[in-house]
Amino acid sequence: MNFSFEPATKDEAKARVALTGPSGSGKTYTALTVATGLSDKVAVIDTERGSASKYADEFAFSRLNLQSFEPHTLCQALAAAGAAGFGAVVVDSLTHFWSGTGGMLEQVDAAAKRGYGGNSFGGWKEARPQERQMIDALVSYPGHVIVTMRSKTDYVIEEDQRGRKVPRKVGLKPEQREGIEYEFDIVGDLDHENTLVITKSRARDIANRVIPKPGGEFAQEIAVWLGDGKPSPDALHFRDLLLDQYATQEDVAAAGADIRARGLFGAQVVNEHGDAVALGELARRRWNELGKAKPADGGEAA
């Protein structure tokens, strides 16, 4: 294998933001604030029984209400949102795709019972690729992505202004797999006062910030950081090339290499039949189709 190094550049990127916090901390409202500050066309994938719609008088967005949370369902929803041209997608909340009906924990349990005698290690081996596909679809979406995650809650005892001992609800780790925060550029924890504490950020000006009631200014800071780079082709760009322009295996092979190099192999797009498919699989299928179309005698194809 040949390895070729090239000068690094900062491409114009899209936001990948995760907001965690206990119930009532303002995750949905903050996510909508960030999303509408980044794009004028926002979609909400709502797992919270339509709770985002309570803010429809303050924000303009389209919604998709889900009742079942299999990982491939989120992949399909993201493919549809990309095809519809939504510049920002809010997943409220990602927790349901972990512990909700049909989520990862149920997938593992079903796989363990189906083929591993109830052994969860075998269940994880079978179900883990579904989660990887879902995460790939999130991080390679051709627009901004803001997800919310519920935190487990606990109580601490504090003194109030009169010296009395009173309980206060606090959020702990999000209800998701360990290390999920590494998939996002910016991660923040919200408390019941709607104060956002940035726990991870690739944007240096945002790192370690404490932001009371984050609003449009916070979204603008993210936009400024993202805009400091050159335009970069996204999954929809490559989809259109594969389906409408590239007519040789050589073209498709070159596109496939570029897709992989840009980390878009697992991006979910809609094919010519309206079905969700990974961009890498679409490139592989087109390469095979063009190979079959070549005439055996080397002449012009009909």
C-alpha atoms as a PDB file:
ATOM      1  CA  MET A   1       0.000   0.000   0.000  1.00  0.00           C
ATOM      2  CA  ASN A   2       1.274   3.446  -0.930  1.00  0.00           C
ATOM      3  CA  PHE A   3       0.861   6.267   1.573  1.00  0.00           C
ATOM      4  CA  SER A   4       0.745   9.826   0.252  1.00  0.00           C
ATOM      5  CA  PHE A   5       0.851  12.811   2.584  1.00  0.00           C
ATOM      6  CA  GLU A   6      -0.496  16.224   1.606  1.00  0.00           C
ATOM      7  CA  PRO A   7      -0.617  19.638   3.304  1.00  0.00           C
ATOM      8  CA  ALA A   8      -3.379  19.906   5.912  1.00  0.00           C
ATOM      9  CA  THR A   9      -6.129  22.472   5.370  1.00  0.00           C
ATOM     10  CA  LYS A  10      -9.165  23.478   7.382  1.00  0.00           C
ATOM     11  CA  ASP A  11     -12.285  22.729   5.385  1.00  0.00           C
ATOM     12  CA  GLU A  12     -15.497  24.636   5.959  1.00  0.00           C
ATOM     13  CA  ALA A  13     -17.220  22.242   8.330  1.00  0.00           C
ATOM     14  CA  LYS A  14     -20.665  21.664   9.789  1.00  0.00           C
ATOM     15  CA  ALA A  15     -21.490  21.763  13.479  1.00  0.00           C
ATOM     16  CA  ARG A  16     -21.577  18.561  15.489  1.00  0.00           C
ATOM     17  CA  VAL A  17     -22.967  19.573  18.880  1.00  0.00           C
ATOM     18  CA  ALA A  18     -24.166  17.428  21.803  1.00  0.00           C
ATOM     19  CA  LEU A  19     -26.185  18.898  24.672  1.00  0.00           C
ATOM     20  CA  THR A  20     -26.626  16.809  27.795  1.00  0.00           C
ATOM     21  CA  GLY A  21     -28.620  17.417  30.929  1.00  0.00           C
ATOM     22  CA  PRO A  22     -31.399  16.186  33.200  1.00  0.00           C
ATOM     23  CA  SER A  23     -35.068  16.578  32.385  1.00  0.00           C
ATOM     24  CA  GLY A  24     -36.108  20.218  32.591  1.00  0.00           C
ATOM     25  CA  SER A  25     -32.684  21.710  31.917  1.00  0.00           C
ATOM     26  CA  GLY A  26     -33.678  23.259  28.580  1.00  0.00           C
ATOM     27  CA  LYS A  27     -31.988  20.856  26.154  1.00  0.00           C
ATOM     28  CA  THR A  28     -34.679  21.078  23.467  1.00  0.00           C
ATOM     29  CA  TYR A  29     -34.948  24.866  23.621  1.00  0.00           C
ATOM     30  CA  THR A  30     -31.179  25.321  23.526  1.00  0.00           C
ATOM     31  CA  ALA A  31     -30.838  22.875  20.619  1.00  0.00           C
ATOM     32  CA  LEU A  32     -33.465  24.819  18.639  1.00  0.00           C
ATOM     33  CA  THR A  33     -31.708  28.080  19.471  1.00  0.00           C
ATOM     34  CA  VAL A  34     -28.400  26.756  18.143  1.00  0.00           C
ATOM     35  CA  ALA A  35     -29.938  25.110  15.070  1.00  0.00           C
ATOM     36  CA  THR A  36     -31.904  28.182  13.969  1.00  0.00           C
ATOM     37  CA  GLY A  37     -28.823  30.329  14.516  1.00  0.00           C
ATOM     38  CA  LEU A  38     -26.884  28.117  12.105  1.00  0.00           C
ATOM     39  CA  SER A  39     -29.487  27.523   9.390  1.00  0.00           C
ATOM     40  CA  ASP A  40     -32.784  28.924   8.149  1.00  0.00           C
ATOM     41  CA  LYS A  41     -34.061  25.420   7.329  1.00  0.00           C
ATOM     42  CA  VAL A  42     -34.228  23.214  10.423  1.00  0.00           C
ATOM     43  CA  ALA A  43     -35.587  19.697  10.937  1.00  0.00           C
ATOM     44  CA  VAL A  44     -36.269  18.084  14.298  1.00  0.00           C
ATOM     45  CA  ILE A  45     -36.229  14.306  14.687  1.00  0.00           C
ATOM     46  CA  ASP A  46     -38.443  14.191  17.761  1.00  0.00           C
ATOM     47  CA  THR A  47     -38.411  11.166  20.063  1.00  0.00           C
ATOM     48  CA  GLU A  48     -39.987  13.052  22.973  1.00  0.00           C
ATOM     49  CA  ARG A  49     -43.651  12.697  21.963  1.00  0.00           C
ATOM     50  CA  GLY A  50     -43.724  15.982  20.096  1.00  0.00           C
ATOM     51  CA  SER A  51     -42.223  18.092  22.864  1.00  0.00           C
ATOM     52  CA  ALA A  52     -40.272  20.262  20.421  1.00  0.00           C
ATOM     53  CA  SER A  53     -43.537  21.439  18.883  1.00  0.00           C
ATOM     54  CA  LYS A  54     -44.257  23.382  22.076  1.00  0.00           C
ATOM     55  CA  TYR A  55     -41.703  25.901  20.797  1.00  0.00           C
ATOM     56  CA  ALA A  56     -43.183  26.225  17.300  1.00  0.00           C
ATOM     57  CA  ASP A  57     -44.347  29.752  18.140  1.00  0.00           C
ATOM     58  CA  GLU A  58     -40.712  30.804  18.725  1.00  0.00           C
ATOM     59  CA  PHE A  59     -38.816  28.786  16.112  1.00  0.00           C
ATOM     60  CA  ALA A  60     -39.535  27.795  12.515  1.00  0.00           C
ATOM     61  CA  PHE A  61     -38.791  24.122  11.900  1.00  0.00           C
ATOM     62  CA  SER A  62     -40.148  20.919  10.398  1.00  0.00           C
ATOM     63  CA  ARG A  63     -40.624  17.863  12.568  1.00  0.00           C
ATOM     64  CA  LEU A  64     -40.556  14.094  12.297  1.00  0.00           C
ATOM     65  CA  ASN A  65     -42.099  12.349  15.291  1.00  0.00           C
ATOM     66  CA  LEU A  66     -40.815   8.820  15.903  1.00  0.00           C
ATOM     67  CA  GLN A  67     -42.268   6.098  18.115  1.00  0.00           C
ATOM     68  CA  SER A  68     -39.642   3.381  17.573  1.00  0.00           C
ATOM     69  CA  PHE A  69     -35.926   3.956  17.775  1.00  0.00           C
ATOM     70  CA  GLU A  70     -33.961   1.299  15.885  1.00  0.00           C
ATOM     71  CA  PRO A  71     -30.552   2.646  14.792  1.00  0.00           C
ATOM     72  CA  HIS A  72     -31.396   2.148  11.101  1.00  0.00           C
ATOM     73  CA  THR A  73     -34.506   4.315  11.600  1.00  0.00           C
ATOM     74  CA  LEU A  74     -32.309   7.276  12.481  1.00  0.00           C
ATOM     75  CA  CYS A  75     -30.128   6.529   9.435  1.00  0.00           C
ATOM     76  CA  GLN A  76     -33.211   6.633   7.209  1.00  0.00           C
ATOM     77  CA  ALA A  77     -34.451   9.840   8.820  1.00  0.00           C
ATOM     78  CA  LEU A  78     -31.093  11.552   8.306  1.00  0.00           C
ATOM     79  CA  ALA A  79     -30.991  10.446   4.664  1.00  0.00           C
ATOM     80  CA  ALA A  80     -34.452  11.926   4.120  1.00  0.00           C
ATOM     81  CA  ALA A  81     -33.500  15.179   5.872  1.00  0.00           C
ATOM     82  CA  GLY A  82     -30.396  15.526   3.728  1.00  0.00           C
ATOM     83  CA  ALA A  83     -32.361  14.904   0.533  1.00  0.00           C
ATOM     84  CA  ALA A  84     -34.895  17.555   1.605  1.00  0.00           C
ATOM     85  CA  GLY A  85     -32.109  20.104   2.040  1.00  0.00           C
ATOM     86  CA  PHE A  86     -32.364  20.764   5.761  1.00  0.00           C
ATOM     87  CA  GLY A  87     -29.319  22.773   6.749  1.00  0.00           C
ATOM     88  CA  ALA A  88     -29.560  21.732  10.397  1.00  0.00           C
ATOM     89  CA  VAL A  89     -31.020  18.667  12.091  1.00  0.00           C
ATOM     90  CA  VAL A  90     -31.863  18.358  15.773  1.00  0.00           C
ATOM     91  CA  VAL A  91     -32.091  14.833  17.208  1.00  0.00           C
ATOM     92  CA  ASP A  92     -34.117  15.218  20.391  1.00  0.00           C
ATOM     93  CA  SER A  93     -33.092  12.981  21.945  1.00  0.00           C
ATOM     94  CA  LEU A  94     -30.337  10.570  20.975  1.00  0.00           C
ATOM     95  CA  THR A  95     -30.909   8.762  24.277  1.00  0.00           C
ATOM     96  CA  HIS A  96     -33.933   6.964  22.856  1.00  0.00           C
ATOM     97  CA  PHE A  97     -31.767   5.292  20.219  1.00  0.00           C
ATOM     98  CA  TRP A  98     -29.788   3.859  23.121  1.00  0.00           C
ATOM     99  CA  SER A  99     -32.390   2.850  25.700  1.00  0.00           C
ATOM    100  CA  GLY A 100     -35.777   3.400  24.022  1.00  0.00           C
ATOM    101  CA  THR A 101     -38.046   0.993  22.155  1.00  0.00           C
ATOM    102  CA  GLY A 102     -35.941  -0.733  19.514  1.00  0.00           C
ATOM    103  CA  GLY A 103     -32.789   1.099  20.646  1.00  0.00           C
ATOM    104  CA  MET A 104     -29.309  -0.323  21.040  1.00  0.00           C
ATOM    105  CA  LEU A 105     -29.911  -1.993  24.391  1.00  0.00           C
ATOM    106  CA  GLU A 106     -32.947  -3.830  23.001  1.00  0.00           C
ATOM    107  CA  GLN A 107     -30.981  -4.764  19.883  1.00  0.00           C
ATOM    108  CA  VAL A 108     -28.245  -6.293  22.030  1.00  0.00           C
ATOM    109  CA  ASP A 109     -30.736  -8.158  24.195  1.00  0.00           C
ATOM    110  CA  ALA A 110     -32.570  -9.561  21.167  1.00  0.00           C
ATOM    111  CA  ALA A 111     -29.320 -10.633  19.477  1.00  0.00           C
ATOM    112  CA  ALA A 112     -28.100 -12.314  22.664  1.00  0.00           C
ATOM    113  CA  LYS A 113     -31.319 -14.304  23.039  1.00  0.00           C
ATOM    114  CA  ARG A 114     -31.520 -15.135  19.340  1.00  0.00           C
ATOM    115  CA  GLY A 115     -28.107 -16.610  18.756  1.00  0.00           C
ATOM    116  CA  TYR A 116     -25.884 -16.544  21.832  1.00  0.00           C
ATOM    117  CA  GLY A 117     -27.865 -18.253  24.553  1.00  0.00           C
ATOM    118  CA  GLY A 118     -28.508 -14.949  26.296  1.00  0.00           C
ATOM    119  CA  ASN A 119     -24.813 -13.989  26.354  1.00  0.00           C
ATOM    120  CA  SER A 120     -24.618 -10.192  26.097  1.00  0.00           C
ATOM    121  CA  PHE A 121     -21.064 -10.265  24.729  1.00  0.00           C
ATOM    122  CA  GLY A 122     -22.297 -12.078  21.657  1.00  0.00           C
ATOM    123  CA  GLY A 123     -25.238  -9.694  21.464  1.00  0.00           C
ATOM    124  CA  TRP A 124     -22.927  -6.697  21.424  1.00  0.00           C
ATOM    125  CA  LYS A 125     -20.801  -8.273  18.699  1.00  0.00           C
ATOM    126  CA  GLU A 126     -23.848  -8.553  16.453  1.00  0.00           C
ATOM    127  CA  ALA A 127     -25.486  -5.229  17.318  1.00  0.00           C
ATOM    128  CA  ARG A 128     -22.432  -2.949  17.451  1.00  0.00           C
ATOM    129  CA  PRO A 129     -22.269  -2.426  13.632  1.00  0.00           C
ATOM    130  CA  GLN A 130     -25.781  -0.936  13.781  1.00  0.00           C
ATOM    131  CA  GLU A 131     -24.597   1.653  16.258  1.00  0.00           C
ATOM    132  CA  ARG A 132     -21.512   2.425  14.176  1.00  0.00           C
ATOM    133  CA  GLN A 133     -23.681   2.943  11.113  1.00  0.00           C
ATOM    134  CA  MET A 134     -25.912   5.319  13.078  1.00  0.00           C
ATOM    135  CA  ILE A 135     -22.979   7.355  14.409  1.00  0.00           C
ATOM    136  CA  ASP A 136     -21.406   7.531  10.940  1.00  0.00           C
ATOM    137  CA  ALA A 137     -24.704   8.854   9.584  1.00  0.00           C
ATOM    138  CA  LEU A 138     -24.797  11.548  12.270  1.00  0.00           C
ATOM    139  CA  VAL A 139     -21.260  12.834  11.911  1.00  0.00           C
ATOM    140  CA  SER A 140     -21.317  12.793   8.081  1.00  0.00           C
ATOM    141  CA  TYR A 141     -24.690  14.511   7.648  1.00  0.00           C
ATOM    142  CA  PRO A 142     -24.405  17.261   4.979  1.00  0.00           C
ATOM    143  CA  GLY A 143     -25.573  19.963   7.395  1.00  0.00           C
ATOM    144  CA  HIS A 144     -25.332  20.897  11.053  1.00  0.00           C
ATOM    145  CA  VAL A 145     -26.286  18.279  13.657  1.00  0.00           C
ATOM    146  CA  ILE A 146     -27.326  19.043  17.222  1.00  0.00           C
ATOM    147  CA  VAL A 147     -28.269  16.139  19.472  1.00  0.00           C
ATOM    148  CA  THR A 148     -29.644  16.127  22.990  1.00  0.00           C
ATOM    149  CA  MET A 149     -28.966  13.400  25.528  1.00  0.00           C
ATOM    150  CA  ARG A 150     -30.650  12.838  28.856  1.00  0.00           C
ATOM    151  CA  SER A 151     -28.454  12.699  31.920  1.00  0.00           C
ATOM    152  CA  LYS A 152     -29.168  10.485  34.858  1.00  0.00           C
ATOM    153  CA  THR A 153     -30.109  12.605  37.824  1.00  0.00           C
ATOM    154  CA  ASP A 154     -29.086  12.600  41.438  1.00  0.00           C
ATOM    155  CA  TYR A 155     -29.539  14.883  44.413  1.00  0.00           C
ATOM    156  CA  VAL A 156     -26.966  16.739  46.455  1.00  0.00           C
ATOM    157  CA  ILE A 157     -27.629  18.451  49.773  1.00  0.00           C
ATOM    158  CA  GLU A 158     -26.664  22.125  49.910  1.00  0.00           C
ATOM    159  CA  GLU A 159     -27.220  25.040  52.232  1.00  0.00           C
ATOM    160  CA  ASP A 160     -29.584  27.756  51.068  1.00  0.00           C
ATOM    161  CA  GLN A 161     -29.254  31.463  51.912  1.00  0.00           C
ATOM    162  CA  ARG A 162     -30.810  30.861  55.329  1.00  0.00           C
ATOM    163  CA  GLY A 163     -28.421  28.063  56.172  1.00  0.00           C
ATOM    164  CA  ARG A 164     -31.011  25.328  55.742  1.00  0.00           C
ATOM    165  CA  LYS A 165     -30.101  21.990  54.184  1.00  0.00           C
ATOM    166  CA  VAL A 166     -32.005  21.597  50.906  1.00  0.00           C
ATOM    167  CA  PRO A 167     -31.755  19.021  48.110  1.00  0.00           C
ATOM    168  CA  ARG A 168     -30.757  20.074  44.606  1.00  0.00           C
ATOM    169  CA  LYS A 169     -31.174  17.907  41.501  1.00  0.00           C
ATOM    170  CA  VAL A 170     -28.008  17.516  39.422  1.00  0.00           C
ATOM    171  CA  GLY A 171     -27.233  15.741  36.164  1.00  0.00           C
ATOM    172  CA  LEU A 172     -24.663  12.988  35.853  1.00  0.00           C
ATOM    173  CA  LYS A 173     -23.365  11.102  32.814  1.00  0.00           C
ATOM    174  CA  PRO A 174     -25.596  11.020  29.729  1.00  0.00           C
ATOM    175  CA  GLU A 175     -27.649   7.910  29.097  1.00  0.00           C
ATOM    176  CA  GLN A 176     -25.557   6.724  26.188  1.00  0.00           C
ATOM    177  CA  ARG A 177     -22.604   4.488  25.534  1.00  0.00           C
ATOM    178  CA  GLU A 178     -19.325   5.388  27.189  1.00  0.00           C
ATOM    179  CA  GLY A 179     -17.257   7.776  25.054  1.00  0.00           C
ATOM    180  CA  ILE A 180     -20.078   9.053  22.832  1.00  0.00           C
ATOM    181  CA  GLU A 181     -18.864  12.621  23.416  1.00  0.00           C
ATOM    182  CA  TYR A 182     -15.738  11.963  21.329  1.00  0.00           C
ATOM    183  CA  GLU A 183     -17.924  11.863  18.207  1.00  0.00           C
ATOM    184  CA  PHE A 184     -18.848  15.579  18.520  1.00  0.00           C
ATOM    185  CA  ASP A 185     -16.962  18.847  18.123  1.00  0.00           C
ATOM    186  CA  ILE A 186     -18.712  20.624  20.977  1.00  0.00           C
ATOM    187  CA  VAL A 187     -20.261  19.015  24.056  1.00  0.00           C
ATOM    188  CA  GLY A 188     -22.019  20.941  26.792  1.00  0.00           C
ATOM    189  CA  ASP A 189     -23.836  20.049  30.014  1.00  0.00           C
ATOM    190  CA  LEU A 190     -26.975  21.966  30.977  1.00  0.00           C
ATOM    191  CA  ASP A 191     -28.283  22.311  34.518  1.00  0.00           C
ATOM    192  CA  HIS A 192     -31.738  23.257  35.817  1.00  0.00           C
ATOM    193  CA  GLU A 193     -30.868  26.951  35.640  1.00  0.00           C
ATOM    194  CA  ASN A 194     -30.216  26.485  31.894  1.00  0.00           C
ATOM    195  CA  THR A 195     -26.539  27.189  32.386  1.00  0.00           C
ATOM    196  CA  LEU A 196     -24.344  25.502  29.785  1.00  0.00           C
ATOM    197  CA  VAL A 197     -20.914  24.235  30.810  1.00  0.00           C
ATOM    198  CA  ILE A 198     -18.720  23.355  27.824  1.00  0.00           C
ATOM    199  CA  THR A 199     -16.957  20.082  28.637  1.00  0.00           C
ATOM    200  CA  LYS A 200     -15.393  19.499  25.225  1.00  0.00           C
ATOM    201  CA  SER A 201     -14.713  21.822  22.310  1.00  0.00           C
ATOM    202  CA  ARG A 202     -12.480  21.835  19.253  1.00  0.00           C
ATOM    203  CA  ALA A 203     -13.170  25.567  19.005  1.00  0.00           C
ATOM    204  CA  ARG A 204     -10.644  27.187  21.320  1.00  0.00           C
ATOM    205  CA  ASP A 205     -12.714  30.324  21.943  1.00  0.00           C
ATOM    206  CA  ILE A 206     -15.615  28.195  23.194  1.00  0.00           C
ATOM    207  CA  ALA A 207     -13.666  25.661  25.269  1.00  0.00           C
ATOM    208  CA  ASN A 208     -14.279  25.582  29.032  1.00  0.00           C
ATOM    209  CA  ARG A 209     -16.919  28.302  28.855  1.00  0.00           C
ATOM    210  CA  VAL A 210     -19.810  28.666  31.291  1.00  0.00           C
ATOM    211  CA  ILE A 211     -22.755  30.220  29.440  1.00  0.00           C
ATOM    212  CA  PRO A 212     -25.942  31.207  31.298  1.00  0.00           C
ATOM    213  CA  LYS A 213     -29.026  30.724  29.099  1.00  0.00           C
ATOM    214  CA  PRO A 214     -27.167  30.235  25.778  1.00  0.00           C
ATOM    215  CA  GLY A 215     -28.810  32.070  22.900  1.00  0.00           C
ATOM    216  CA  GLY A 216     -28.167  33.337  19.410  1.00  0.00           C
ATOM    217  CA  GLU A 217     -24.753  34.715  20.321  1.00  0.00           C
ATOM    218  CA  PHE A 218     -23.552  31.210  21.156  1.00  0.00           C
ATOM    219  CA  ALA A 219     -24.761  29.917  17.781  1.00  0.00           C
ATOM    220  CA  GLN A 220     -22.997  32.798  16.060  1.00  0.00           C
ATOM    221  CA  GLU A 221     -19.712  31.933  17.776  1.00  0.00           C
ATOM    222  CA  ILE A 222     -20.016  28.397  16.450  1.00  0.00           C
ATOM    223  CA  ALA A 223     -20.804  29.699  12.954  1.00  0.00           C
ATOM    224  CA  VAL A 224     -17.751  31.970  12.964  1.00  0.00           C
ATOM    225  CA  TRP A 225     -15.491  29.082  13.960  1.00  0.00           C
ATOM    226  CA  LEU A 226     -16.957  26.770  11.311  1.00  0.00           C
ATOM    227  CA  GLY A 227     -16.760  29.378   8.567  1.00  0.00           C
ATOM    228  CA  ASP A 228     -13.034  29.826   8.940  1.00  0.00           C
ATOM    229  CA  GLY A 229     -12.148  27.344   6.200  1.00  0.00           C
ATOM    230  CA  LYS A 230     -12.509  26.513   2.519  1.00  0.00           C
ATOM    231  CA  PRO A 231     -15.735  25.000   1.108  1.00  0.00           C
ATOM    232  CA  SER A 232     -15.768  21.209   1.162  1.00  0.00           C
ATOM    233  CA  PRO A 233     -17.885  18.776  -0.930  1.00  0.00           C
ATOM    234  CA  ASP A 234     -20.450  16.876   1.126  1.00  0.00           C
ATOM    235  CA  ALA A 235     -22.301  13.577   0.777  1.00  0.00           C
ATOM    236  CA  LEU A 236     -25.018  15.068  -1.449  1.00  0.00           C
ATOM    237  CA  HIS A 237     -22.366  16.363  -3.857  1.00  0.00           C
ATOM    238  CA  PHE A 238     -20.900  12.885  -4.286  1.00  0.00           C
ATOM    239  CA  ARG A 239     -24.345  11.279  -4.504  1.00  0.00           C
ATOM    240  CA  ASP A 240     -25.260  13.496  -7.441  1.00  0.00           C
ATOM    241  CA  LEU A 241     -21.966  12.759  -9.193  1.00  0.00           C
ATOM    242  CA  LEU A 242     -22.407   9.012  -8.783  1.00  0.00           C
ATOM    243  CA  LEU A 243     -25.994   8.945 -10.016  1.00  0.00           C
ATOM    244  CA  ASP A 244     -26.067  11.696 -12.645  1.00  0.00           C
ATOM    245  CA  GLN A 245     -22.579  12.340 -14.011  1.00  0.00           C
ATOM    246  CA  TYR A 246     -20.014   9.586 -13.532  1.00  0.00           C
ATOM    247  CA  ALA A 247     -20.251   7.070 -16.361  1.00  0.00           C
ATOM    248  CA  THR A 248     -17.021   5.077 -16.034  1.00  0.00           C
ATOM    249  CA  GLN A 249     -15.607   2.765 -13.402  1.00  0.00           C
ATOM    250  CA  GLU A 250     -12.506   4.947 -13.260  1.00  0.00           C
ATOM    251  CA  ASP A 251     -14.579   7.997 -12.306  1.00  0.00           C
ATOM    252  CA  VAL A 252     -16.452   6.033  -9.646  1.00  0.00           C
ATOM    253  CA  ALA A 253     -13.237   4.537  -8.253  1.00  0.00           C
ATOM    254  CA  ALA A 254     -11.704   8.001  -7.904  1.00  0.00           C
ATOM    255  CA  ALA A 255     -14.883   9.259  -6.223  1.00  0.00           C
ATOM    256  CA  GLY A 256     -14.844   6.283  -3.865  1.00  0.00           C
ATOM    257  CA  ALA A 257     -11.300   7.070  -2.786  1.00  0.00           C
ATOM    258  CA  ASP A 258     -12.247  10.714  -2.164  1.00  0.00           C
ATOM    259  CA  ILE A 259     -15.369   9.681  -0.249  1.00  0.00           C
ATOM    260  CA  ARG A 260     -13.347   7.426   2.026  1.00  0.00           C
ATOM    261  CA  ALA A 261     -10.626  10.043   2.540  1.00  0.00           C
ATOM    262  CA  ARG A 262     -13.245  12.594   3.627  1.00  0.00           C
ATOM    263  CA  GLY A 263     -14.833  10.189   6.100  1.00  0.00           C
ATOM    264  CA  LEU A 264     -18.109  10.048   4.164  1.00  0.00           C
ATOM    265  CA  PHE A 265     -18.227   6.324   3.442  1.00  0.00           C
ATOM    266  CA  GLY A 266     -20.990   5.821   6.022  1.00  0.00           C
ATOM    267  CA  ALA A 267     -22.953   8.981   5.158  1.00  0.00           C
ATOM    268  CA  GLN A 268     -26.616   8.178   4.563  1.00  0.00           C
ATOM    269  CA  VAL A 269     -28.111   9.443   1.290  1.00  0.00           C
ATOM    270  CA  VAL A 270     -31.253   8.719  -0.709  1.00  0.00           C
ATOM    271  CA  ASN A 271     -30.700   6.690  -3.891  1.00  0.00           C
ATOM    272  CA  GLU A 272     -32.600   7.034  -7.174  1.00  0.00           C
ATOM    273  CA  HIS A 273     -35.398   4.859  -5.768  1.00  0.00           C
ATOM    274  CA  GLY A 274     -35.882   7.002  -2.665  1.00  0.00           C
ATOM    275  CA  ASP A 275     -34.271   4.461  -0.324  1.00  0.00           C
ATOM    276  CA  ALA A 276     -31.650   5.290   2.292  1.00  0.00           C
ATOM    277  CA  VAL A 277     -28.200   3.883   1.543  1.00  0.00           C
ATOM    278  CA  ALA A 278     -24.655   4.463   2.750  1.00  0.00           C
ATOM    279  CA  LEU A 279     -22.709   6.602   0.286  1.00  0.00           C
ATOM    280  CA  GLY A 280     -19.892   4.040   0.147  1.00  0.00           C
ATOM    281  CA  GLU A 281     -22.367   1.301  -0.739  1.00  0.00           C
ATOM    282  CA  LEU A 282     -23.836   3.487  -3.480  1.00  0.00           C
ATOM    283  CA  ALA A 283     -20.367   3.982  -4.968  1.00  0.00           C
ATOM    284  CA  ARG A 284     -19.690   0.229  -4.827  1.00  0.00           C
ATOM    285  CA  ARG A 285     -23.004  -0.538  -6.513  1.00  0.00           C
ATOM    286  CA  ARG A 286     -22.385   1.990  -9.297  1.00  0.00           C
ATOM    287  CA  TRP A 287     -18.902   0.566  -9.892  1.00  0.00           C
ATOM    288  CA  ASN A 288     -20.356  -2.925 -10.265  1.00  0.00           C
ATOM    289  CA  GLU A 289     -23.133  -1.713 -12.564  1.00  0.00           C
ATOM    290  CA  LEU A 290     -20.705   0.063 -14.868  1.00  0.00           C
ATOM    291  CA  GLY A 291     -18.493  -3.027 -14.951  1.00  0.00           C
ATOM    292  CA  LYS A 292     -21.396  -5.181 -16.088  1.00  0.00           C
ATOM    293  CA  ALA A 293     -22.253  -2.620 -18.774  1.00  0.00           C
ATOM    294  CA  LYS A 294     -18.857  -2.983 -20.471  1.00  0.00           C
ATOM    295  CA  PRO A 295     -19.084  -5.040 -23.691  1.00  0.00           C
ATOM    296  CA  ALA A 296     -17.045  -8.258 -23.691  1.00  0.00           C
ATOM    297  CA  ASP A 297     -15.299  -7.455 -27.003  1.00  0.00           C
ATOM    298  CA  GLY A 298     -14.054  -4.057 -25.841  1.00  0.00           C
ATOM    299  CA  GLY A 299     -16.269  -2.142 -28.301  1.00  0.00           C
ATOM    300  CA  GLU A 300     -18.803   0.572 -27.604  1.00  0.00           C
ATOM    301  CA  ALA A 301     -21.475  -0.284 -25.082  1.00  0.00           C
ATOM    302  CA  ALA A 302     -25.013  -0.203 -26.388  1.00  0.00           C
END
